[in-house]
PDB file of all heavy atoms in Angstrom:
ATOM      1  N   THR A   1      61.008-104.901-182.969  1.00  0.00           N
ATOM      2  CA  THR A   1      61.394-103.807-183.855  1.00  0.00           C
ATOM      3  C   THR A   1      60.154-103.055-184.345  1.00  0.00           C
ATOM      4  O   THR A   1      59.032-103.573-184.322  1.00  0.00           O
ATOM      5  CB  THR A   1      62.160-104.323-185.082  1.00  0.00           C
ATOM      6  OG1 THR A   1      61.286-105.133-185.881  1.00  0.00           O
ATOM      7  CG2 THR A   1      63.377-105.129-184.678  1.00  0.00           C
ATOM      8  N   HIS A   2      60.398-101.845-184.815  1.00  0.00           N
ATOM      9  CA  HIS A   2      59.317-101.010-185.346  1.00  0.00           C
ATOM     10  C   HIS A   2      58.577-101.734-186.467  1.00  0.00           C
ATOM     11  O   HIS A   2      57.338-101.685-186.550  1.00  0.00           O
ATOM     12  CB  HIS A   2      59.909 -99.698-185.859  1.00  0.00           C
ATOM     13  CG  HIS A   2      58.942 -98.855-186.625  1.00  0.00           C
ATOM     14  ND1 HIS A   2      58.049 -97.995-186.018  1.00  0.00           N
ATOM     15  CD2 HIS A   2      58.707 -98.747-187.964  1.00  0.00           C
ATOM     16  CE1 HIS A   2      57.320 -97.392-186.947  1.00  0.00           C
ATOM     17  NE2 HIS A   2      57.699 -97.833-188.128  1.00  0.00           N
ATOM     18  N   GLU A   3      59.314-102.413-187.329  1.00  0.00           N
ATOM     19  CA  GLU A   3      58.699-103.074-188.484  1.00  0.00           C
ATOM     20  C   GLU A   3      57.802-104.236-188.055  1.00  0.00           C
ATOM     21  O   GLU A   3      56.694-104.414-188.583  1.00  0.00           O
ATOM     22  CB  GLU A   3      59.796-103.569-189.436  1.00  0.00           C
ATOM     23  CG  GLU A   3      60.562-102.466-190.147  1.00  0.00           C
ATOM     24  CD  GLU A   3      61.573-101.758-189.246  1.00  0.00           C
ATOM     25  OE1 GLU A   3      61.855-102.264-188.129  1.00  0.00           O
ATOM     26  OE2 GLU A   3      62.090-100.709-189.653  1.00  0.00           O
ATOM     27  N   ILE A   4      58.262-105.037-187.099  1.00  0.00           N
ATOM     28  CA  ILE A   4      57.453-106.152-186.606  1.00  0.00           C
ATOM     29  C   ILE A   4      56.240-105.627-185.848  1.00  0.00           C
ATOM     30  O   ILE A   4      55.128-106.142-185.999  1.00  0.00           O
ATOM     31  CB  ILE A   4      58.303-107.071-185.710  1.00  0.00           C
ATOM     32  CG1 ILE A   4      59.393-107.755-186.540  1.00  0.00           C
ATOM     33  CG2 ILE A   4      57.438-108.111-185.010  1.00  0.00           C
ATOM     34  CD1 ILE A   4      60.399-108.534-185.715  1.00  0.00           C
ATOM     35  N   LEU A   5      56.450-104.585-185.064  1.00  0.00           N
ATOM     36  CA  LEU A   5      55.344-104.018-184.291  1.00  0.00           C
ATOM     37  C   LEU A   5      54.279-103.438-185.212  1.00  0.00           C
ATOM     38  O   LEU A   5      53.071-103.590-184.965  1.00  0.00           O
ATOM     39  CB  LEU A   5      55.868-102.936-183.352  1.00  0.00           C
ATOM     40  CG  LEU A   5      54.870-102.393-182.327  1.00  0.00           C
ATOM     41  CD1 LEU A   5      54.435-103.497-181.382  1.00  0.00           C
ATOM     42  CD2 LEU A   5      55.476-101.244-181.550  1.00  0.00           C
ATOM     43  N   ASP A   6      54.698-102.804-186.289  1.00  0.00           N
ATOM     44  CA  ASP A   6      53.754-102.203-187.233  1.00  0.00           C
ATOM     45  C   ASP A   6      52.832-103.273-187.821  1.00  0.00           C
ATOM     46  O   ASP A   6      51.609-103.093-187.890  1.00  0.00           O
ATOM     47  CB  ASP A   6      54.529-101.487-188.339  1.00  0.00           C
ATOM     48  CG  ASP A   6      53.606-100.781-189.317  1.00  0.00           C
ATOM     49  OD1 ASP A   6      52.800 -99.939-188.872  1.00  0.00           O
ATOM     50  OD2 ASP A   6      53.683-101.054-190.527  1.00  0.00           O
ATOM     51  N   LEU A   7      53.401-104.398-188.241  1.00  0.00           N
ATOM     52  CA  LEU A   7      52.586-105.493-188.773  1.00  0.00           C
ATOM     53  C   LEU A   7      51.677-106.066-187.702  1.00  0.00           C
ATOM     54  O   LEU A   7      50.493-106.334-187.936  1.00  0.00           O
ATOM     55  CB  LEU A   7      53.496-106.589-189.333  1.00  0.00           C
ATOM     56  CG  LEU A   7      52.793-107.885-189.766  1.00  0.00           C
ATOM     57  CD1 LEU A   7      51.836-107.623-190.918  1.00  0.00           C
ATOM     58  CD2 LEU A   7      53.818-108.945-190.153  1.00  0.00           C
ATOM     59  N   SER A   8      52.204-106.243-186.497  1.00  0.00           N
ATOM     60  CA  SER A   8      51.432-106.855-185.415  1.00  0.00           C
ATOM     61  C   SER A   8      50.213-106.021-185.060  1.00  0.00           C
ATOM     62  O   SER A   8      49.120-106.553-184.848  1.00  0.00           O
ATOM     63  CB  SER A   8      52.320-107.038-184.182  1.00  0.00           C
ATOM     64  OG  SER A   8      53.463-107.810-184.483  1.00  0.00           O
ATOM     65  N   VAL A   9      50.380-104.707-184.994  1.00  0.00           N
ATOM     66  CA  VAL A   9      49.269-103.824-184.642  1.00  0.00           C
ATOM     67  C   VAL A   9      48.204-103.845-185.735  1.00  0.00           C
ATOM     68  O   VAL A   9      47.001-103.794-185.451  1.00  0.00           O
ATOM     69  CB  VAL A   9      49.781-102.393-184.391  1.00  0.00           C
ATOM     70  CG1 VAL A   9      48.625-101.414-184.268  1.00  0.00           C
ATOM     71  CG2 VAL A   9      50.629-102.359-183.117  1.00  0.00           C
ATOM     72  N   LYS A  10      48.612-103.973-186.994  1.00  0.00           N
ATOM     73  CA  LYS A  10      47.638-104.033-188.093  1.00  0.00           C
ATOM     74  C   LYS A  10      46.733-105.258-187.970  1.00  0.00           C
ATOM     75  O   LYS A  10      45.578-105.232-188.403  1.00  0.00           O
ATOM     76  CB  LYS A  10      48.367-104.051-189.434  1.00  0.00           C
ATOM     77  CG  LYS A  10      48.970-102.712-189.837  1.00  0.00           C
ATOM     78  CD  LYS A  10      49.720-102.814-191.152  1.00  0.00           C
ATOM     79  CE  LYS A  10      50.325-101.466-191.540  1.00  0.00           C
ATOM     80  NZ  LYS A  10      51.159-101.564-192.768  1.00  0.00           N
ATOM     81  N   VAL A  11      47.248-106.327-187.392  1.00  0.00           N
ATOM     82  CA  VAL A  11      46.442-107.542-187.207  1.00  0.00           C
ATOM     83  C   VAL A  11      45.208-107.254-186.358  1.00  0.00           C
ATOM     84  O   VAL A  11      44.150-107.850-186.554  1.00  0.00           O
ATOM     85  CB  VAL A  11      47.316-108.642-186.554  1.00  0.00           C
ATOM     86  CG1 VAL A  11      46.460-109.758-185.986  1.00  0.00           C
ATOM     87  CG2 VAL A  11      48.305-109.193-187.568  1.00  0.00           C
ATOM     88  N   LEU A  12      45.328-106.317-185.409  1.00  0.00           N
ATOM     89  CA  LEU A  12      44.210-106.008-184.520  1.00  0.00           C
ATOM     90  C   LEU A  12      43.086-105.260-185.226  1.00  0.00           C
ATOM     91  O   LEU A  12      41.991-105.102-184.665  1.00  0.00           O
ATOM     92  CB  LEU A  12      44.710-105.180-183.329  1.00  0.00           C
ATOM     93  CG  LEU A  12      45.703-105.901-182.411  1.00  0.00           C
ATOM     94  CD1 LEU A  12      46.270-104.937-181.387  1.00  0.00           C
ATOM     95  CD2 LEU A  12      45.035-107.083-181.718  1.00  0.00           C
ATOM     96  N   ALA A  13      43.351-104.773-186.422  1.00  0.00           N
ATOM     97  CA  ALA A  13      42.331-104.147-187.270  1.00  0.00           C
ATOM     98  C   ALA A  13      41.706-102.902-186.659  1.00  0.00           C
ATOM     99  O   ALA A  13      40.598-102.512-187.015  1.00  0.00           O
ATOM    100  CB  ALA A  13      41.233-105.160-187.623  1.00  0.00           C
ATOM    101  N   GLY A  14      42.405-102.275-185.725  1.00  0.00           N
ATOM    102  CA  GLY A  14      41.917-101.015-185.174  1.00  0.00           C
ATOM    103  C   GLY A  14      40.795-101.134-184.179  1.00  0.00           C
ATOM    104  O   GLY A  14      40.270-100.125-183.704  1.00  0.00           O
ATOM    105  N   ASP A  15      40.397-102.362-183.828  1.00  0.00           N
ATOM    106  CA  ASP A  15      39.300-102.536-182.871  1.00  0.00           C
ATOM    107  C   ASP A  15      39.753-102.112-181.470  1.00  0.00           C
ATOM    108  O   ASP A  15      40.837-102.477-181.020  1.00  0.00           O
ATOM    109  CB  ASP A  15      38.841-103.995-182.828  1.00  0.00           C
ATOM    110  CG  ASP A  15      38.033-104.376-184.062  1.00  0.00           C
ATOM    111  OD1 ASP A  15      37.824-103.487-184.909  1.00  0.00           O
ATOM    112  OD2 ASP A  15      37.629-105.542-184.170  1.00  0.00           O
ATOM    113  N   ALA A  16      38.918-101.353-180.785  1.00  0.00           N
ATOM    114  CA  ALA A  16      39.236-100.907-179.425  1.00  0.00           C
ATOM    115  C   ALA A  16      38.999-102.045-178.445  1.00  0.00           C
ATOM    116  O   ALA A  16      38.228-102.961-178.698  1.00  0.00           O
ATOM    117  CB  ALA A  16      38.399 -99.695-179.058  1.00  0.00           C
ATOM    118  N   ALA A  17      39.674-101.979-177.317  1.00  0.00           N
ATOM    119  CA  ALA A  17      39.510-102.985-176.262  1.00  0.00           C
ATOM    120  C   ALA A  17      39.158-102.277-174.965  1.00  0.00           C
ATOM    121  O   ALA A  17      39.619-101.168-174.712  1.00  0.00           O
ATOM    122  CB  ALA A  17      40.786-103.800-176.093  1.00  0.00           C
ATOM    123  N   VAL A  18      38.329-102.933-174.159  1.00  0.00           N
ATOM    124  CA  VAL A  18      37.951-102.375-172.861  1.00  0.00           C
ATOM    125  C   VAL A  18      38.833-103.003-171.793  1.00  0.00           C
ATOM    126  O   VAL A  18      38.977-104.221-171.724  1.00  0.00           O
ATOM    127  CB  VAL A  18      36.468-102.641-172.544  1.00  0.00           C
ATOM    128  CG1 VAL A  18      36.122-102.121-171.152  1.00  0.00           C
ATOM    129  CG2 VAL A  18      35.590-101.988-173.597  1.00  0.00           C
ATOM    130  N   GLY A  19      39.439-102.161-170.963  1.00  0.00           N
ATOM    131  CA  GLY A  19      40.354-102.639-169.942  1.00  0.00           C
ATOM    132  C   GLY A  19      39.647-103.126-168.694  1.00  0.00           C
ATOM    133  O   GLY A  19      38.419-103.036-168.570  1.00  0.00           O
ATOM    134  N   LEU A  20      40.426-103.622-167.751  1.00  0.00           N
ATOM    135  CA  LEU A  20      39.864-104.137-166.500  1.00  0.00           C
ATOM    136  C   LEU A  20      39.275-103.035-165.632  1.00  0.00           C
ATOM    137  O   LEU A  20      38.523-103.310-164.693  1.00  0.00           O
ATOM    138  CB  LEU A  20      40.943-104.877-165.709  1.00  0.00           C
ATOM    139  CG  LEU A  20      41.597-106.084-166.402  1.00  0.00           C
ATOM    140  CD1 LEU A  20      42.618-106.724-165.474  1.00  0.00           C
ATOM    141  CD2 LEU A  20      40.562-107.097-166.819  1.00  0.00           C
ATOM    142  N   ASP A  21      39.643-101.777-165.942  1.00  0.00           N
ATOM    143  CA  ASP A  21      39.097-100.651-165.182  1.00  0.00           C
ATOM    144  C   ASP A  21      37.855-100.073-165.836  1.00  0.00           C
ATOM    145  O   ASP A  21      37.412 -98.979-165.494  1.00  0.00           O
ATOM    146  CB  ASP A  21      40.160 -99.556-165.025  1.00  0.00           C
ATOM    147  CG  ASP A  21      40.687 -99.070-166.374  1.00  0.00           C
ATOM    148  OD1 ASP A  21      40.302 -99.647-167.427  1.00  0.00           O
ATOM    149  OD2 ASP A  21      41.503 -98.135-166.387  1.00  0.00           O
ATOM    150  N   ASP A  22      37.279-100.816-166.805  1.00  0.00           N
ATOM    151  CA  ASP A  22      36.062-100.429-167.534  1.00  0.00           C
ATOM    152  C   ASP A  22      36.293 -99.259-168.490  1.00  0.00           C
ATOM    153  O   ASP A  22      35.336 -98.733-169.064  1.00  0.00           O
ATOM    154  CB  ASP A  22      34.906-100.075-166.577  1.00  0.00           C
ATOM    155  CG  ASP A  22      34.471-101.260-165.745  1.00  0.00           C
ATOM    156  OD1 ASP A  22      34.515-102.391-166.266  1.00  0.00           O
ATOM    157  OD2 ASP A  22      34.110-101.064-164.571  1.00  0.00           O
ATOM    158  N   GLU A  23      37.541 -98.841-168.653  1.00  0.00           N
ATOM    159  CA  GLU A  23      37.862 -97.753-169.572  1.00  0.00           C
ATOM    160  C   GLU A  23      38.324 -98.333-170.903  1.00  0.00           C
ATOM    161  O   GLU A  23      38.968 -99.384-170.950  1.00  0.00           O
ATOM    162  CB  GLU A  23      38.974 -96.868-168.990  1.00  0.00           C
ATOM    163  CG  GLU A  23      38.597 -96.159-167.699  1.00  0.00           C
ATOM    164  CD  GLU A  23      37.609 -95.029-167.934  1.00  0.00           C
ATOM    165  OE1 GLU A  23      37.522 -94.550-169.080  1.00  0.00           O
ATOM    166  OE2 GLU A  23      36.927 -94.633-166.977  1.00  0.00           O
ATOM    167  N   ALA A  24      38.001 -97.627-171.997  1.00  0.00           N
ATOM    168  CA  ALA A  24      38.481 -98.050-173.309  1.00  0.00           C
ATOM    169  C   ALA A  24      39.995 -97.908-173.360  1.00  0.00           C
ATOM    170  O   ALA A  24      40.538 -96.851-173.053  1.00  0.00           O
ATOM    171  CB  ALA A  24      37.829 -97.207-174.409  1.00  0.00           C
ATOM    172  N   ASP A  25      40.680 -98.994-173.699  1.00  0.00           N
ATOM    173  CA  ASP A  25      42.130 -98.942-173.807  1.00  0.00           C
ATOM    174  C   ASP A  25      42.502 -98.381-175.181  1.00  0.00           C
ATOM    175  O   ASP A  25      41.677 -98.310-176.083  1.00  0.00           O
ATOM    176  CB  ASP A  25      42.725-100.334-173.634  1.00  0.00           C
ATOM    177  CG  ASP A  25      44.164-100.289-173.150  1.00  0.00           C
ATOM    178  OD1 ASP A  25      45.064-100.172-173.995  1.00  0.00           O
ATOM    179  OD2 ASP A  25      44.362-100.356-171.935  1.00  0.00           O
ATOM    180  N   THR A  26      43.752 -97.990-175.319  1.00  0.00           N
ATOM    181  CA  THR A  26      44.191 -97.392-176.577  1.00  0.00           C
ATOM    182  C   THR A  26      45.631 -97.777-176.844  1.00  0.00           C
ATOM    183  O   THR A  26      46.400 -98.048-175.914  1.00  0.00           O
ATOM    184  CB  THR A  26      44.072 -95.858-176.530  1.00  0.00           C
ATOM    185  OG1 THR A  26      44.597 -95.311-177.748  1.00  0.00           O
ATOM    186  CG2 THR A  26      44.872 -95.281-175.362  1.00  0.00           C
TER     187      THR A  26
END
């Protein structure tokens, strides 16, 4: 649900991740 997803994404603290293709994921 939107509510669960909203909390889950906040856990990541906005840090970017680099994908397997060497590109910054979003």
